[in-house]
Amino acid sequence: MDCPVCNFVPSPIIIRPLKYTICGSCYEGARSIMALMNKLEQNAGVNKSAANRISLPNPSKGFANALRWVKEMKETEEKLNDRLSYLGGFVSAFRDQIHTDIQVKPGSSGPSIPAHRALLAARSTIFRNMLDFDGCMAPSKDIVKLPELNYEELQAFLEFLYSGNLSRDKMEKHVYSLSVTADKYEVPFLQKFCEQHMLRTLNSSNALDVLEISDTCSSQSLKEATLRFIVQNMEDIIFSAKFDAFALKNPHLGVQITRASCMDSKTRRNGI
């Protein structure tokens, strides 16, 4: 008799007859877990490097192994949380200005923000070069200026460098400036963080802004996803008042939107 959860065919020798049944809800839940394990196993197999493969229990060995795997994942999550808490000491050092040794100055009027040169150098090779260079970019060994950021943007940028995270409100407010800054100073983790936020919040009112940022930062994946969205919502976007100013400012992006729209129409006509 096949197992009702994983469809595994056991040995034909039956030790004792079937004694228990499960409800439909438990059955579907178990099947979902098995499907998830199969999917993760397939994704892990795409990477041929043994060091990067995910170790998963074989779904055919039953639900008990699935429960063991879930427990192991929970333990891994707890270890990661402990590690994040441990690394949170950097945030405390920034917030409480403990042994800071450099001042980071915004471009507009506003006070400098104390920071740690070692952390800045570790997060960005551009910062490392700036701090090592004793020329025009760093006239004082104790001050570095980021002219493209105002005080609030600089504060959010430094907070991310220390913590690796930002609140949703700060991301909503500063995502475009942070994305450009991450690209300029080569902070790939922040750039990826900004791109993910822009994709999650992509809508008809901000799609043109996101497309412009993707072009400025040379993010091909973000640009392609945004172009697809614009083509799918063409009427709402190109007939807006915002589009006129955008097209005048970015004629090359206007051309790319037109081409993407034509390609989409051609694909639809051919039934691809």
C-alpha atoms as a PDB file:
ATOM      1  CA  MET A   1       0.000   0.000   0.000  1.00  0.00           C
ATOM      2  CA  ASP A   2       1.338   3.442  -0.965  1.00  0.00           C
ATOM      3  CA  CYS A   3       2.039   5.939   1.779  1.00  0.00           C
ATOM      4  CA  PRO A   4      -0.805   8.519   1.596  1.00  0.00           C
ATOM      5  CA  VAL A   5       1.645  11.394   2.255  1.00  0.00           C
ATOM      6  CA  CYS A   6       4.728  10.844   0.048  1.00  0.00           C
ATOM      7  CA  ASN A   7       3.530   8.100  -2.329  1.00  0.00           C
ATOM      8  CA  PHE A   8       6.510   5.968  -1.312  1.00  0.00           C
ATOM      9  CA  VAL A   9       5.900   2.260  -1.920  1.00  0.00           C
ATOM     10  CA  PRO A  10       7.110   0.343   1.137  1.00  0.00           C
ATOM     11  CA  SER A  11       8.161  -3.279   1.339  1.00  0.00           C
ATOM     12  CA  PRO A  12       5.349  -5.647   0.350  1.00  0.00           C
ATOM     13  CA  ILE A  13       5.647  -7.288   3.762  1.00  0.00           C
ATOM     14  CA  ILE A  14       2.895  -5.835   5.958  1.00  0.00           C
ATOM     15  CA  ILE A  15       3.815  -5.974   9.638  1.00  0.00           C
ATOM     16  CA  ARG A  16       0.347  -4.981  10.753  1.00  0.00           C
ATOM     17  CA  PRO A  17      -2.717  -3.571   9.038  1.00  0.00           C
ATOM     18  CA  LEU A  18      -3.335   0.162   8.623  1.00  0.00           C
ATOM     19  CA  LYS A  19      -4.563   1.484  11.957  1.00  0.00           C
ATOM     20  CA  TYR A  20      -4.752   5.271  11.669  1.00  0.00           C
ATOM     21  CA  THR A  21      -6.029   7.777   9.121  1.00  0.00           C
ATOM     22  CA  ILE A  22      -5.382  11.513   8.874  1.00  0.00           C
ATOM     23  CA  CYS A  23      -7.779  14.359   8.161  1.00  0.00           C
ATOM     24  CA  GLY A  24      -7.818  16.193   4.865  1.00  0.00           C
ATOM     25  CA  SER A  25      -6.180  19.287   6.344  1.00  0.00           C
ATOM     26  CA  CYS A  26      -3.223  17.321   7.752  1.00  0.00           C
ATOM     27  CA  TYR A  27      -2.910  15.399   4.525  1.00  0.00           C
ATOM     28  CA  GLU A  28      -2.697  18.582   2.418  1.00  0.00           C
ATOM     29  CA  GLY A  29      -0.268  20.140   4.879  1.00  0.00           C
ATOM     30  CA  ALA A  30       2.025  17.119   4.731  1.00  0.00           C
ATOM     31  CA  ARG A  31       1.884  17.071   0.949  1.00  0.00           C
ATOM     32  CA  SER A  32       2.806  20.773   0.871  1.00  0.00           C
ATOM     33  CA  ILE A  33       5.869  20.137   3.039  1.00  0.00           C
ATOM     34  CA  MET A  34       6.958  17.285   0.789  1.00  0.00           C
ATOM     35  CA  ALA A  35       6.479  19.459  -2.301  1.00  0.00           C
ATOM     36  CA  LEU A  36       8.582  22.200  -0.710  1.00  0.00           C
ATOM     37  CA  MET A  37      11.357  19.731   0.087  1.00  0.00           C
ATOM     38  CA  ASN A  38      11.319  18.435  -3.491  1.00  0.00           C
ATOM     39  CA  LYS A  39      11.505  21.983  -4.860  1.00  0.00           C
ATOM     40  CA  LEU A  40      14.421  22.931  -2.609  1.00  0.00           C
ATOM     41  CA  GLU A  41      16.192  19.703  -3.516  1.00  0.00           C
ATOM     42  CA  GLN A  42      15.828  20.481  -7.213  1.00  0.00           C
ATOM     43  CA  ASN A  43      17.064  24.057  -6.727  1.00  0.00           C
ATOM     44  CA  ALA A  44      20.036  22.790  -4.739  1.00  0.00           C
ATOM     45  CA  GLY A  45      20.913  20.408  -7.546  1.00  0.00           C
ATOM     46  CA  VAL A  46      21.192  23.277 -10.040  1.00  0.00           C
ATOM     47  CA  ASN A  47      24.426  24.334  -8.363  1.00  0.00           C
ATOM     48  CA  LYS A  48      26.962  21.601  -9.036  1.00  0.00           C
ATOM     49  CA  SER A  49      29.317  22.775  -6.292  1.00  0.00           C
ATOM     50  CA  ALA A  50      29.012  20.231  -3.470  1.00  0.00           C
ATOM     51  CA  ALA A  51      30.006  22.873  -0.915  1.00  0.00           C
ATOM     52  CA  ASN A  52      27.003  25.009  -1.832  1.00  0.00           C
ATOM     53  CA  ARG A  53      24.368  22.272  -1.955  1.00  0.00           C
ATOM     54  CA  ILE A  54      21.578  22.235   0.572  1.00  0.00           C
ATOM     55  CA  SER A  55      21.407  19.024   2.564  1.00  0.00           C
ATOM     56  CA  LEU A  56      17.813  17.841   2.509  1.00  0.00           C
ATOM     57  CA  PRO A  57      16.185  14.638   3.687  1.00  0.00           C
ATOM     58  CA  ASN A  58      14.785  12.365   1.034  1.00  0.00           C
ATOM     59  CA  PRO A  59      10.999  12.986   0.854  1.00  0.00           C
ATOM     60  CA  SER A  60      10.427   9.302   0.108  1.00  0.00           C
ATOM     61  CA  LYS A  61      11.611   8.397   3.604  1.00  0.00           C
ATOM     62  CA  GLY A  62       8.516   9.788   5.183  1.00  0.00           C
ATOM     63  CA  PHE A  63       7.072  12.582   7.227  1.00  0.00           C
ATOM     64  CA  ALA A  64       9.297  11.953  10.251  1.00  0.00           C
ATOM     65  CA  ASN A  65      12.347  13.074   8.271  1.00  0.00           C
ATOM     66  CA  ALA A  66      10.465  16.165   7.166  1.00  0.00           C
ATOM     67  CA  LEU A  67       9.785  17.062  10.781  1.00  0.00           C
ATOM     68  CA  ARG A  68      13.450  16.514  11.623  1.00  0.00           C
ATOM     69  CA  TRP A  69      14.448  18.799   8.773  1.00  0.00           C
ATOM     70  CA  VAL A  70      12.047  21.517   9.969  1.00  0.00           C
ATOM     71  CA  LYS A  71      13.587  21.240  13.450  1.00  0.00           C
ATOM     72  CA  GLU A  72      17.086  21.606  12.003  1.00  0.00           C
ATOM     73  CA  MET A  73      15.997  24.682  10.062  1.00  0.00           C
ATOM     74  CA  LYS A  74      14.575  26.156  13.254  1.00  0.00           C
ATOM     75  CA  GLU A  75      17.875  25.566  15.059  1.00  0.00           C
ATOM     76  CA  THR A  76      19.738  27.190  12.157  1.00  0.00           C
ATOM     77  CA  GLU A  77      17.424  30.193  12.348  1.00  0.00           C
ATOM     78  CA  GLU A  78      18.100  30.563  16.074  1.00  0.00           C
ATOM     79  CA  LYS A  79      21.865  30.431  15.467  1.00  0.00           C
ATOM     80  CA  LEU A  80      21.575  33.111  12.796  1.00  0.00           C
ATOM     81  CA  ASN A  81      19.522  35.290  15.123  1.00  0.00           C
ATOM     82  CA  ASP A  82      22.162  34.896  17.833  1.00  0.00           C
ATOM     83  CA  ARG A  83      24.861  35.861  15.345  1.00  0.00           C
ATOM     84  CA  LEU A  84      22.900  38.932  14.225  1.00  0.00           C
ATOM     85  CA  SER A  85      22.427  39.948  17.838  1.00  0.00           C
ATOM     86  CA  TYR A  86      26.166  39.566  18.410  1.00  0.00           C
ATOM     87  CA  LEU A  87      27.016  41.663  15.361  1.00  0.00           C
ATOM     88  CA  GLY A  88      24.521  44.276  16.553  1.00  0.00           C
ATOM     89  CA  GLY A  89      27.304  45.663  18.719  1.00  0.00           C
ATOM     90  CA  PHE A  90      28.406  47.696  15.702  1.00  0.00           C
ATOM     91  CA  VAL A  91      25.036  49.452  15.719  1.00  0.00           C
ATOM     92  CA  SER A  92      25.421  50.315  19.405  1.00  0.00           C
ATOM     93  CA  ALA A  93      28.906  51.691  18.760  1.00  0.00           C
ATOM     94  CA  PHE A  94      27.471  53.928  16.020  1.00  0.00           C
ATOM     95  CA  ARG A  95      24.408  55.009  17.964  1.00  0.00           C
ATOM     96  CA  ASP A  96      26.315  55.755  21.176  1.00  0.00           C
ATOM     97  CA  GLN A  97      29.375  57.155  19.342  1.00  0.00           C
ATOM     98  CA  ILE A  98      31.765  54.788  21.103  1.00  0.00           C
ATOM     99  CA  HIS A  99      35.408  55.419  20.111  1.00  0.00           C
ATOM    100  CA  THR A 100      34.510  57.067  16.800  1.00  0.00           C
ATOM    101  CA  ASP A 101      37.533  58.307  14.855  1.00  0.00           C
ATOM    102  CA  ILE A 102      36.157  60.091  11.777  1.00  0.00           C
ATOM    103  CA  GLN A 103      33.461  62.636  10.903  1.00  0.00           C
ATOM    104  CA  VAL A 104      31.264  62.044   7.841  1.00  0.00           C
ATOM    105  CA  LYS A 105      29.881  65.308   6.486  1.00  0.00           C
ATOM    106  CA  PRO A 106      26.768  65.656   4.285  1.00  0.00           C
ATOM    107  CA  GLY A 107      26.771  67.797   1.182  1.00  0.00           C
ATOM    108  CA  SER A 108      24.090  70.220   2.346  1.00  0.00           C
ATOM    109  CA  SER A 109      23.985  72.134   5.584  1.00  0.00           C
ATOM    110  CA  GLY A 110      23.902  69.833   8.532  1.00  0.00           C
ATOM    111  CA  PRO A 111      26.198  68.524  11.230  1.00  0.00           C
ATOM    112  CA  SER A 112      28.800  65.859  10.607  1.00  0.00           C
ATOM    113  CA  ILE A 113      28.069  62.340  11.845  1.00  0.00           C
ATOM    114  CA  PRO A 114      30.740  60.495  13.873  1.00  0.00           C
ATOM    115  CA  ALA A 115      31.702  57.090  12.494  1.00  0.00           C
ATOM    116  CA  HIS A 116      34.489  54.517  12.456  1.00  0.00           C
ATOM    117  CA  ARG A 117      36.971  54.584   9.601  1.00  0.00           C
ATOM    118  CA  ALA A 118      37.662  50.838   9.886  1.00  0.00           C
ATOM    119  CA  LEU A 119      34.012  49.992   9.290  1.00  0.00           C
ATOM    120  CA  LEU A 120      33.714  52.402   6.355  1.00  0.00           C
ATOM    121  CA  ALA A 121      36.811  50.877   4.775  1.00  0.00           C
ATOM    122  CA  ALA A 122      35.501  47.356   5.354  1.00  0.00           C
ATOM    123  CA  ARG A 123      32.138  48.117   3.742  1.00  0.00           C
ATOM    124  CA  SER A 124      33.475  49.861   0.631  1.00  0.00           C
ATOM    125  CA  THR A 125      36.729  49.756  -1.306  1.00  0.00           C
ATOM    126  CA  ILE A 126      35.960  53.294  -2.477  1.00  0.00           C
ATOM    127  CA  PHE A 127      35.909  54.490   1.115  1.00  0.00           C
ATOM    128  CA  ARG A 128      39.098  52.560   1.782  1.00  0.00           C
ATOM    129  CA  ASN A 129      40.837  54.346  -1.077  1.00  0.00           C
ATOM    130  CA  MET A 130      39.437  57.709  -0.010  1.00  0.00           C
ATOM    131  CA  LEU A 131      40.645  57.263   3.547  1.00  0.00           C
ATOM    132  CA  ASP A 132      44.079  56.118   2.388  1.00  0.00           C
ATOM    133  CA  PHE A 133      44.417  58.967  -0.084  1.00  0.00           C
ATOM    134  CA  ASP A 134      45.846  62.171   1.370  1.00  0.00           C
ATOM    135  CA  GLY A 135      44.774  64.410  -1.490  1.00  0.00           C
ATOM    136  CA  CYS A 136      41.784  66.503  -2.527  1.00  0.00           C
ATOM    137  CA  MET A 137      39.125  63.918  -1.702  1.00  0.00           C
ATOM    138  CA  ALA A 138      40.224  63.648   1.912  1.00  0.00           C
ATOM    139  CA  PRO A 139      41.814  66.991   2.890  1.00  0.00           C
ATOM    140  CA  SER A 140      41.612  66.029   6.525  1.00  0.00           C
ATOM    141  CA  LYS A 141      42.276  62.587   7.900  1.00  0.00           C
ATOM    142  CA  ASP A 142      39.406  63.073  10.342  1.00  0.00           C
ATOM    143  CA  ILE A 143      36.710  64.233   7.884  1.00  0.00           C
ATOM    144  CA  VAL A 144      35.192  62.705   4.767  1.00  0.00           C
ATOM    145  CA  LYS A 145      32.428  64.432   2.805  1.00  0.00           C
ATOM    146  CA  LEU A 146      29.621  62.833   0.820  1.00  0.00           C
ATOM    147  CA  PRO A 147      28.314  65.771  -1.246  1.00  0.00           C
ATOM    148  CA  GLU A 148      25.467  63.841  -2.886  1.00  0.00           C
ATOM    149  CA  LEU A 149      23.644  63.194   0.410  1.00  0.00           C
ATOM    150  CA  ASN A 150      21.781  65.502   2.764  1.00  0.00           C
ATOM    151  CA  TYR A 151      21.884  64.930   6.505  1.00  0.00           C
ATOM    152  CA  GLU A 152      18.919  62.522   6.710  1.00  0.00           C
ATOM    153  CA  GLU A 153      20.107  60.498   3.717  1.00  0.00           C
ATOM    154  CA  LEU A 154      23.613  60.296   5.162  1.00  0.00           C
ATOM    155  CA  GLN A 155      22.239  59.138   8.497  1.00  0.00           C
ATOM    156  CA  ALA A 156      20.236  56.384   6.771  1.00  0.00           C
ATOM    157  CA  PHE A 157      23.247  55.378   4.670  1.00  0.00           C
ATOM    158  CA  LEU A 158      25.534  55.051   7.691  1.00  0.00           C
ATOM    159  CA  GLU A 159      22.869  53.189   9.646  1.00  0.00           C
ATOM    160  CA  PHE A 160      22.692  50.592   6.898  1.00  0.00           C
ATOM    161  CA  LEU A 161      26.476  50.244   6.739  1.00  0.00           C
ATOM    162  CA  TYR A 162      26.492  49.437  10.440  1.00  0.00           C
ATOM    163  CA  SER A 163      23.371  47.278  10.712  1.00  0.00           C
ATOM    164  CA  GLY A 164      22.715  45.875   7.226  1.00  0.00           C
ATOM    165  CA  ASN A 165      19.074  46.888   7.497  1.00  0.00           C
ATOM    166  CA  LEU A 166      16.730  49.875   7.463  1.00  0.00           C
ATOM    167  CA  SER A 167      13.144  50.436   8.512  1.00  0.00           C
ATOM    168  CA  ARG A 168      10.475  50.449   5.821  1.00  0.00           C
ATOM    169  CA  ASP A 169       9.773  54.153   6.404  1.00  0.00           C
ATOM    170  CA  LYS A 170      13.413  55.117   5.821  1.00  0.00           C
ATOM    171  CA  MET A 171      13.628  52.951   2.728  1.00  0.00           C
ATOM    172  CA  GLU A 172      10.476  54.514   1.304  1.00  0.00           C
ATOM    173  CA  LYS A 173      11.898  57.978   1.873  1.00  0.00           C
ATOM    174  CA  HIS A 174      15.511  57.480   0.775  1.00  0.00           C
ATOM    175  CA  VAL A 175      15.597  54.426  -1.507  1.00  0.00           C
ATOM    176  CA  TYR A 176      16.529  56.340  -4.673  1.00  0.00           C
ATOM    177  CA  SER A 177      19.368  58.337  -3.129  1.00  0.00           C
ATOM    178  CA  LEU A 178      20.612  55.251  -1.277  1.00  0.00           C
ATOM    179  CA  SER A 179      20.617  53.207  -4.475  1.00  0.00           C
ATOM    180  CA  VAL A 180      22.681  55.819  -6.319  1.00  0.00           C
ATOM    181  CA  THR A 181      25.055  56.134  -3.359  1.00  0.00           C
ATOM    182  CA  ALA A 182      25.461  52.364  -3.098  1.00  0.00           C
ATOM    183  CA  ASP A 183      26.360  52.253  -6.779  1.00  0.00           C
ATOM    184  CA  LYS A 184      28.836  55.148  -6.507  1.00  0.00           C
ATOM    185  CA  TYR A 185      30.644  53.818  -3.434  1.00  0.00           C
ATOM    186  CA  GLU A 186      30.343  50.153  -4.423  1.00  0.00           C
ATOM    187  CA  VAL A 187      28.238  48.766  -1.601  1.00  0.00           C
ATOM    188  CA  PRO A 188      26.597  45.815  -3.437  1.00  0.00           C
ATOM    189  CA  PHE A 189      24.592  44.561  -0.463  1.00  0.00           C
ATOM    190  CA  LEU A 190      22.873  47.941  -0.080  1.00  0.00           C
ATOM    191  CA  GLN A 191      22.314  48.141  -3.826  1.00  0.00           C
ATOM    192  CA  LYS A 192      20.634  44.726  -3.817  1.00  0.00           C
ATOM    193  CA  PHE A 193      18.593  45.715  -0.754  1.00  0.00           C
ATOM    194  CA  CYS A 194      17.349  48.841  -2.564  1.00  0.00           C
ATOM    195  CA  GLU A 195      16.532  46.923  -5.749  1.00  0.00           C
ATOM    196  CA  GLN A 196      14.479  44.363  -3.846  1.00  0.00           C
ATOM    197  CA  HIS A 197      12.557  47.141  -2.108  1.00  0.00           C
ATOM    198  CA  MET A 198      11.865  48.925  -5.403  1.00  0.00           C
ATOM    199  CA  LEU A 199      10.605  45.710  -7.006  1.00  0.00           C
ATOM    200  CA  ARG A 200       8.336  44.957  -4.034  1.00  0.00           C
ATOM    201  CA  THR A 201       6.810  48.438  -4.108  1.00  0.00           C
ATOM    202  CA  LEU A 202       6.719  48.906  -7.887  1.00  0.00           C
ATOM    203  CA  ASN A 203       3.507  50.592  -9.055  1.00  0.00           C
ATOM    204  CA  SER A 204       2.226  52.893 -11.780  1.00  0.00           C
ATOM    205  CA  SER A 205       3.116  56.057  -9.887  1.00  0.00           C
ATOM    206  CA  ASN A 206       6.787  55.211  -9.250  1.00  0.00           C
ATOM    207  CA  ALA A 207       7.684  52.986 -12.227  1.00  0.00           C
ATOM    208  CA  LEU A 208       9.291  55.833 -14.189  1.00  0.00           C
ATOM    209  CA  ASP A 209      11.427  56.825 -11.198  1.00  0.00           C
ATOM    210  CA  VAL A 210      12.564  53.229 -10.739  1.00  0.00           C
ATOM    211  CA  LEU A 211      13.386  52.942 -14.445  1.00  0.00           C
ATOM    212  CA  GLU A 212      15.486  56.103 -14.246  1.00  0.00           C
ATOM    213  CA  ILE A 213      17.357  54.800 -11.175  1.00  0.00           C
ATOM    214  CA  SER A 214      17.965  51.428 -12.828  1.00  0.00           C
ATOM    215  CA  ASP A 215      19.507  53.230 -15.781  1.00  0.00           C
ATOM    216  CA  THR A 216      21.658  55.478 -13.570  1.00  0.00           C
ATOM    217  CA  CYS A 217      22.929  52.489 -11.573  1.00  0.00           C
ATOM    218  CA  SER A 218      23.269  50.212 -14.638  1.00  0.00           C
ATOM    219  CA  SER A 219      21.055  47.561 -13.028  1.00  0.00           C
ATOM    220  CA  GLN A 220      19.953  45.468 -15.997  1.00  0.00           C
ATOM    221  CA  SER A 221      17.717  43.084 -14.046  1.00  0.00           C
ATOM    222  CA  LEU A 222      15.866  45.965 -12.371  1.00  0.00           C
ATOM    223  CA  LYS A 223      15.501  47.781 -15.690  1.00  0.00           C
ATOM    224  CA  GLU A 224      14.077  44.724 -17.449  1.00  0.00           C
ATOM    225  CA  ALA A 225      11.565  44.061 -14.667  1.00  0.00           C
ATOM    226  CA  THR A 226      10.479  47.709 -14.648  1.00  0.00           C
ATOM    227  CA  LEU A 227      10.126  47.843 -18.429  1.00  0.00           C
ATOM    228  CA  ARG A 228       7.899  44.759 -18.315  1.00  0.00           C
ATOM    229  CA  PHE A 229       5.742  46.421 -15.668  1.00  0.00           C
ATOM    230  CA  ILE A 230       5.480  49.645 -17.670  1.00  0.00           C
ATOM    231  CA  VAL A 231       4.447  47.750 -20.806  1.00  0.00           C
ATOM    232  CA  GLN A 232       1.793  45.855 -18.829  1.00  0.00           C
ATOM    233  CA  ASN A 233       0.449  49.150 -17.439  1.00  0.00           C
ATOM    234  CA  MET A 234       1.155  51.323 -20.460  1.00  0.00           C
ATOM    235  CA  GLU A 235      -2.008  53.421 -20.502  1.00  0.00           C
ATOM    236  CA  ASP A 236      -1.830  54.384 -16.832  1.00  0.00           C
ATOM    237  CA  ILE A 237       1.806  55.459 -17.174  1.00  0.00           C
ATOM    238  CA  ILE A 238       2.323  57.098 -20.563  1.00  0.00           C
ATOM    239  CA  PHE A 239      -0.825  59.223 -20.324  1.00  0.00           C
ATOM    240  CA  SER A 240       0.145  60.619 -16.941  1.00  0.00           C
ATOM    241  CA  ALA A 241       1.468  64.162 -16.548  1.00  0.00           C
ATOM    242  CA  LYS A 242       4.662  62.712 -15.105  1.00  0.00           C
ATOM    243  CA  PHE A 243       5.519  60.944 -18.340  1.00  0.00           C
ATOM    244  CA  ASP A 244       5.910  64.171 -20.325  1.00  0.00           C
ATOM    245  CA  ALA A 245       8.664  65.472 -18.043  1.00  0.00           C
ATOM    246  CA  PHE A 246      10.263  62.021 -17.920  1.00  0.00           C
ATOM    247  CA  ALA A 247      10.378  61.683 -21.716  1.00  0.00           C
ATOM    248  CA  LEU A 248      11.991  65.115 -22.123  1.00  0.00           C
ATOM    249  CA  LYS A 249      14.607  64.314 -19.497  1.00  0.00           C
ATOM    250  CA  ASN A 250      15.275  60.714 -20.608  1.00  0.00           C
ATOM    251  CA  PRO A 251      14.654  60.387 -24.364  1.00  0.00           C
ATOM    252  CA  HIS A 252      16.726  57.186 -24.570  1.00  0.00           C
ATOM    253  CA  LEU A 253      14.502  55.531 -21.954  1.00  0.00           C
ATOM    254  CA  GLY A 254      11.430  56.668 -23.884  1.00  0.00           C
ATOM    255  CA  VAL A 255      12.854  54.828 -26.891  1.00  0.00           C
ATOM    256  CA  GLN A 256      13.436  51.710 -24.794  1.00  0.00           C
ATOM    257  CA  ILE A 257       9.831  51.801 -23.538  1.00  0.00           C
ATOM    258  CA  THR A 258       8.571  52.071 -27.125  1.00  0.00           C
ATOM    259  CA  ARG A 259      10.729  49.155 -28.247  1.00  0.00           C
ATOM    260  CA  ALA A 260       9.676  47.020 -25.286  1.00  0.00           C
ATOM    261  CA  SER A 261       6.035  47.755 -26.079  1.00  0.00           C
ATOM    262  CA  CYS A 262       6.512  46.801 -29.736  1.00  0.00           C
ATOM    263  CA  MET A 263       8.233  43.556 -28.785  1.00  0.00           C
ATOM    264  CA  ASP A 264       5.409  42.730 -26.398  1.00  0.00           C
ATOM    265  CA  SER A 265       2.801  43.388 -29.085  1.00  0.00           C
ATOM    266  CA  LYS A 266       4.715  41.210 -31.551  1.00  0.00           C
ATOM    267  CA  THR A 267       4.942  38.395 -29.027  1.00  0.00           C
ATOM    268  CA  ARG A 268       1.209  38.585 -28.367  1.00  0.00           C
ATOM    269  CA  ARG A 269       0.387  38.519 -32.090  1.00  0.00           C
ATOM    270  CA  ASN A 270       2.560  35.464 -32.613  1.00  0.00           C
ATOM    271  CA  GLY A 271       1.038  33.764 -29.611  1.00  0.00           C
ATOM    272  CA  ILE A 272       4.395  33.156 -27.964  1.00  0.00           C
END
